[in-house]
């Protein structure tokens, strides 16, 4: 593990009057640049696991699907294809999740947590096929959260009516305590 301590800054994020969002930004505090690579992937994996808590969750991919399928098949990671333009990967443990995040950090993809994940959600999955993460806009309130993962740029944006920034900070601090990252509000 690196001796460097990174910073995960968490704050309410304004996406308009009809969306409640919390932004998470993983940065190197010395340079203010996004943290990427294997260590960042492990941090993001631990963060997602702690944010979801005991709720079922899944990752949603809607681009570069052949690469996603090949990666999952080569590692024995289960996935389902609710339509021809979406691959859904059900919840994973930290190790395969970190591997997924590292491999696909250059892609924008989604995540959602909540009871509706287990039964599938035709409306959100059709919305993802039509417009990528914009498919969460009208459906995120059915979930604990829907998230936009942009790890190449150091961001995770949560859309949630249930999680406020303070609760996201509390959950992230608990889940990231053993990793080289400080969880805080922006300076």
Protein backbone atom coordinates (compact mmCIF):
# COMPACT_ATOMS: atom_id res chain seq x y z
CA UNK A 1 0.00 0.00 0.00
CA UNK A 2 1.26 3.45 -0.82
CA UNK A 3 2.35 5.89 1.86
CA UNK A 4 0.55 8.65 -0.01
CA UNK A 5 -2.71 9.77 1.48
CA UNK A 6 -5.30 10.77 -1.05
CA UNK A 7 -8.36 12.89 -0.43
CA UNK A 8 -11.97 11.94 -1.16
CA UNK A 9 -13.93 15.18 -1.14
CA UNK A 10 -17.68 14.82 -0.74
CA UNK A 11 -20.29 17.57 -1.11
CA UNK A 12 -23.83 18.22 -2.27
CA UNK A 13 -23.82 18.78 -6.01
CA UNK A 14 -26.22 21.04 -7.93
CA UNK A 15 -27.63 19.27 -10.98
CA UNK A 16 -30.81 21.33 -11.09
CA UNK A 17 -33.98 21.71 -9.06
CA UNK A 18 -35.36 18.24 -9.83
CA UNK A 19 -32.24 16.22 -8.92
CA UNK A 20 -30.66 15.66 -5.52
CA UNK A 21 -27.01 14.75 -5.95
CA UNK A 22 -23.81 14.27 -3.98
CA UNK A 23 -20.42 14.51 -5.68
CA UNK A 24 -17.38 12.49 -4.64
CA UNK A 25 -13.98 13.49 -6.01
CA UNK A 26 -10.83 11.41 -5.44
CA UNK A 27 -7.74 13.61 -5.72
CA UNK A 28 -4.08 13.84 -4.87
CA UNK A 29 -4.08 16.71 -2.33
CA UNK A 30 -0.65 17.93 -3.49
CA UNK A 31 -1.60 18.41 -7.14
CA UNK A 32 -5.44 18.44 -7.03
CA UNK A 33 -5.27 15.95 -9.92
CA UNK A 34 -7.56 12.90 -10.06
CA UNK A 35 -6.18 9.65 -8.65
CA UNK A 36 -6.31 6.78 -11.15
CA UNK A 37 -4.98 3.26 -11.47
CA UNK A 38 -5.06 0.27 -9.18
CA UNK A 39 -5.04 2.09 -5.85
CA UNK A 40 -7.83 4.41 -6.98
CA UNK A 41 -9.85 1.40 -8.15
CA UNK A 42 -9.52 -0.22 -4.71
CA UNK A 43 -10.63 3.02 -3.05
CA UNK A 44 -13.63 3.40 -5.36
CA UNK A 45 -14.58 -0.26 -4.81
CA UNK A 46 -14.49 0.14 -1.02
CA UNK A 47 -16.46 3.39 -1.31
CA UNK A 48 -19.21 1.80 -3.42
CA UNK A 49 -19.48 -1.17 -1.07
CA UNK A 50 -19.78 1.12 1.96
CA UNK A 51 -22.31 3.43 0.28
CA UNK A 52 -24.57 0.53 -0.72
CA UNK A 53 -24.43 -0.97 2.76
CA UNK A 54 -26.78 -3.94 2.95
CA UNK A 55 -28.74 -3.02 -0.19
CA UNK A 56 -28.34 -5.05 -3.38
CA UNK A 57 -26.47 -3.17 -6.08
CA UNK A 58 -25.28 -3.54 -9.67
CA UNK A 59 -23.09 -1.87 -12.26
CA UNK A 60 -24.64 -0.70 -15.54
CA UNK A 61 -22.57 -0.56 -18.73
CA UNK A 62 -24.03 0.93 -21.91
CA UNK A 63 -20.93 1.41 -24.09
CA UNK A 64 -18.04 -0.80 -25.23
CA UNK A 65 -20.16 -3.80 -24.32
CA UNK A 66 -18.04 -6.39 -26.12
CA UNK A 67 -15.01 -5.43 -24.00
CA UNK A 68 -17.16 -5.63 -20.85
CA UNK A 69 -18.47 -9.08 -21.82
CA UNK A 70 -14.98 -10.37 -22.66
CA UNK A 71 -13.52 -9.06 -19.40
CA UNK A 72 -16.32 -10.62 -17.34
CA UNK A 73 -16.12 -13.97 -19.15
CA UNK A 74 -12.34 -14.14 -18.74
CA UNK A 75 -12.67 -13.58 -14.98
CA UNK A 76 -15.82 -15.61 -14.33
CA UNK A 77 -17.84 -12.51 -13.42
CA UNK A 78 -21.59 -13.01 -13.91
CA UNK A 79 -23.56 -10.49 -15.93
CA UNK A 80 -26.92 -10.17 -17.60
CA UNK A 81 -28.07 -8.37 -20.73
CA UNK A 82 -31.56 -6.95 -20.21
CA UNK A 83 -31.47 -5.52 -23.75
CA UNK A 84 -28.98 -5.34 -26.60
CA UNK A 85 -27.40 -2.07 -25.41
CA UNK A 86 -26.91 -2.68 -21.68
CA UNK A 87 -24.80 -5.08 -19.60
CA UNK A 88 -25.67 -5.32 -15.89
CA UNK A 89 -23.10 -6.78 -13.49
CA UNK A 90 -24.61 -7.81 -10.14
CA UNK A 91 -22.84 -6.93 -6.92
CA UNK A 92 -19.31 -8.21 -6.48
CA UNK A 93 -16.82 -8.47 -3.67
CA UNK A 94 -14.05 -5.87 -3.40
CA UNK A 95 -11.43 -7.72 -5.48
CA UNK A 96 -13.39 -8.27 -8.72
CA UNK A 97 -15.04 -4.88 -8.28
CA UNK A 98 -11.63 -3.20 -8.05
CA UNK A 99 -10.50 -5.10 -11.17
CA UNK A 100 -13.60 -3.90 -13.05
CA UNK A 101 -13.03 -0.32 -11.94
CA UNK A 102 -9.36 -0.40 -12.93
CA UNK A 103 -10.04 -1.96 -16.35
CA UNK A 104 -12.91 0.41 -17.19
CA UNK A 105 -11.75 3.61 -15.46
CA UNK A 106 -11.61 5.32 -18.87
CA UNK A 107 -15.31 4.67 -19.46
CA UNK A 108 -18.36 6.34 -17.98
CA UNK A 109 -20.77 3.78 -16.55
CA UNK A 110 -23.40 3.58 -13.84
CA UNK A 111 -24.18 1.88 -10.58
CA UNK A 112 -27.40 1.56 -8.62
CA UNK A 113 -28.26 0.27 -5.19
CA UNK A 114 -31.66 -0.69 -3.82
CA UNK A 115 -34.26 -3.41 -3.81
CA UNK A 116 -35.30 -2.77 -7.45
CA UNK A 117 -31.89 -4.09 -8.59
CA UNK A 118 -32.77 -7.69 -7.72
CA UNK A 119 -35.90 -7.85 -9.85
CA UNK A 120 -34.48 -5.91 -12.79
CA UNK A 121 -35.88 -2.56 -13.83
CA UNK A 122 -37.08 -2.48 -17.41
CA UNK A 123 -37.65 1.29 -17.33
CA UNK A 124 -34.19 2.26 -16.10
CA UNK A 125 -32.47 -0.34 -18.28
CA UNK A 126 -34.32 0.92 -21.38
CA UNK A 127 -33.39 4.48 -20.39
CA UNK A 128 -29.73 3.49 -20.09
CA UNK A 129 -29.89 1.94 -23.57
CA UNK A 130 -31.36 5.15 -25.01
CA UNK A 131 -29.32 7.79 -23.23
CA UNK A 132 -26.63 6.32 -20.99
CA UNK A 133 -26.65 7.62 -17.42
CA UNK A 134 -29.37 10.12 -18.34
CA UNK A 135 -31.62 7.07 -17.96
CA UNK A 136 -31.31 7.50 -14.19
CA UNK A 137 -32.80 11.00 -14.20
CA UNK A 138 -36.45 10.05 -13.78
CA UNK A 139 -35.92 6.74 -11.98
CA UNK A 140 -33.22 7.31 -9.35
CA UNK A 141 -35.75 8.01 -6.59
CA UNK A 142 -36.71 4.29 -6.61
CA UNK A 143 -33.21 3.43 -5.39
CA UNK A 144 -30.99 4.13 -2.43
CA UNK A 145 -28.85 5.74 -5.14
CA UNK A 146 -27.96 5.71 -8.79
CA UNK A 147 -24.40 6.73 -9.57
CA UNK A 148 -22.42 8.06 -12.49
CA UNK A 149 -18.90 6.62 -12.42
CA UNK A 150 -16.27 8.78 -14.16
CA UNK A 151 -13.15 7.43 -12.49
CA UNK A 152 -10.74 8.66 -15.16
CA UNK A 153 -11.60 12.17 -14.02
CA UNK A 154 -11.80 11.19 -10.35
CA UNK A 155 -15.58 11.52 -9.93
CA UNK A 156 -18.50 9.53 -8.62
CA UNK A 157 -21.82 11.37 -8.68
CA UNK A 158 -24.65 9.95 -6.59
CA UNK A 159 -28.26 10.70 -7.42
CA UNK A 160 -30.23 10.01 -4.27
CA UNK A 161 -33.25 11.20 -2.34
CA UNK A 162 -32.13 9.04 0.60
CA UNK A 163 -28.45 9.93 1.09
CA UNK A 164 -27.37 13.41 2.08
CA UNK A 165 -23.72 14.50 1.84
CA UNK A 166 -23.27 14.02 5.59
CA UNK A 167 -24.51 10.41 5.41
CA UNK A 168 -22.30 9.72 2.38
CA UNK A 169 -19.31 11.05 4.36
CA UNK A 170 -20.21 8.88 7.36
CA UNK A 171 -20.54 5.73 5.24
CA UNK A 172 -17.39 6.46 3.24
CA UNK A 173 -15.29 7.09 6.36
CA UNK A 174 -16.37 3.76 7.79
CA UNK A 175 -15.66 1.84 4.58
CA UNK A 176 -12.36 3.53 3.75
CA UNK A 177 -10.75 3.63 7.20
CA UNK A 178 -8.07 1.05 6.28
CA UNK A 179 -7.10 2.71 2.98
CA UNK A 180 -4.76 5.65 2.32
CA UNK A 181 -7.52 8.20 1.84
CA UNK A 182 -8.89 11.05 3.90
CA UNK A 183 -12.66 11.53 3.58
CA UNK A 184 -13.65 15.17 3.90
CA UNK A 185 -15.70 18.03 2.58
CA UNK A 186 -13.98 20.21 -0.06
CA UNK A 187 -11.47 22.68 1.37
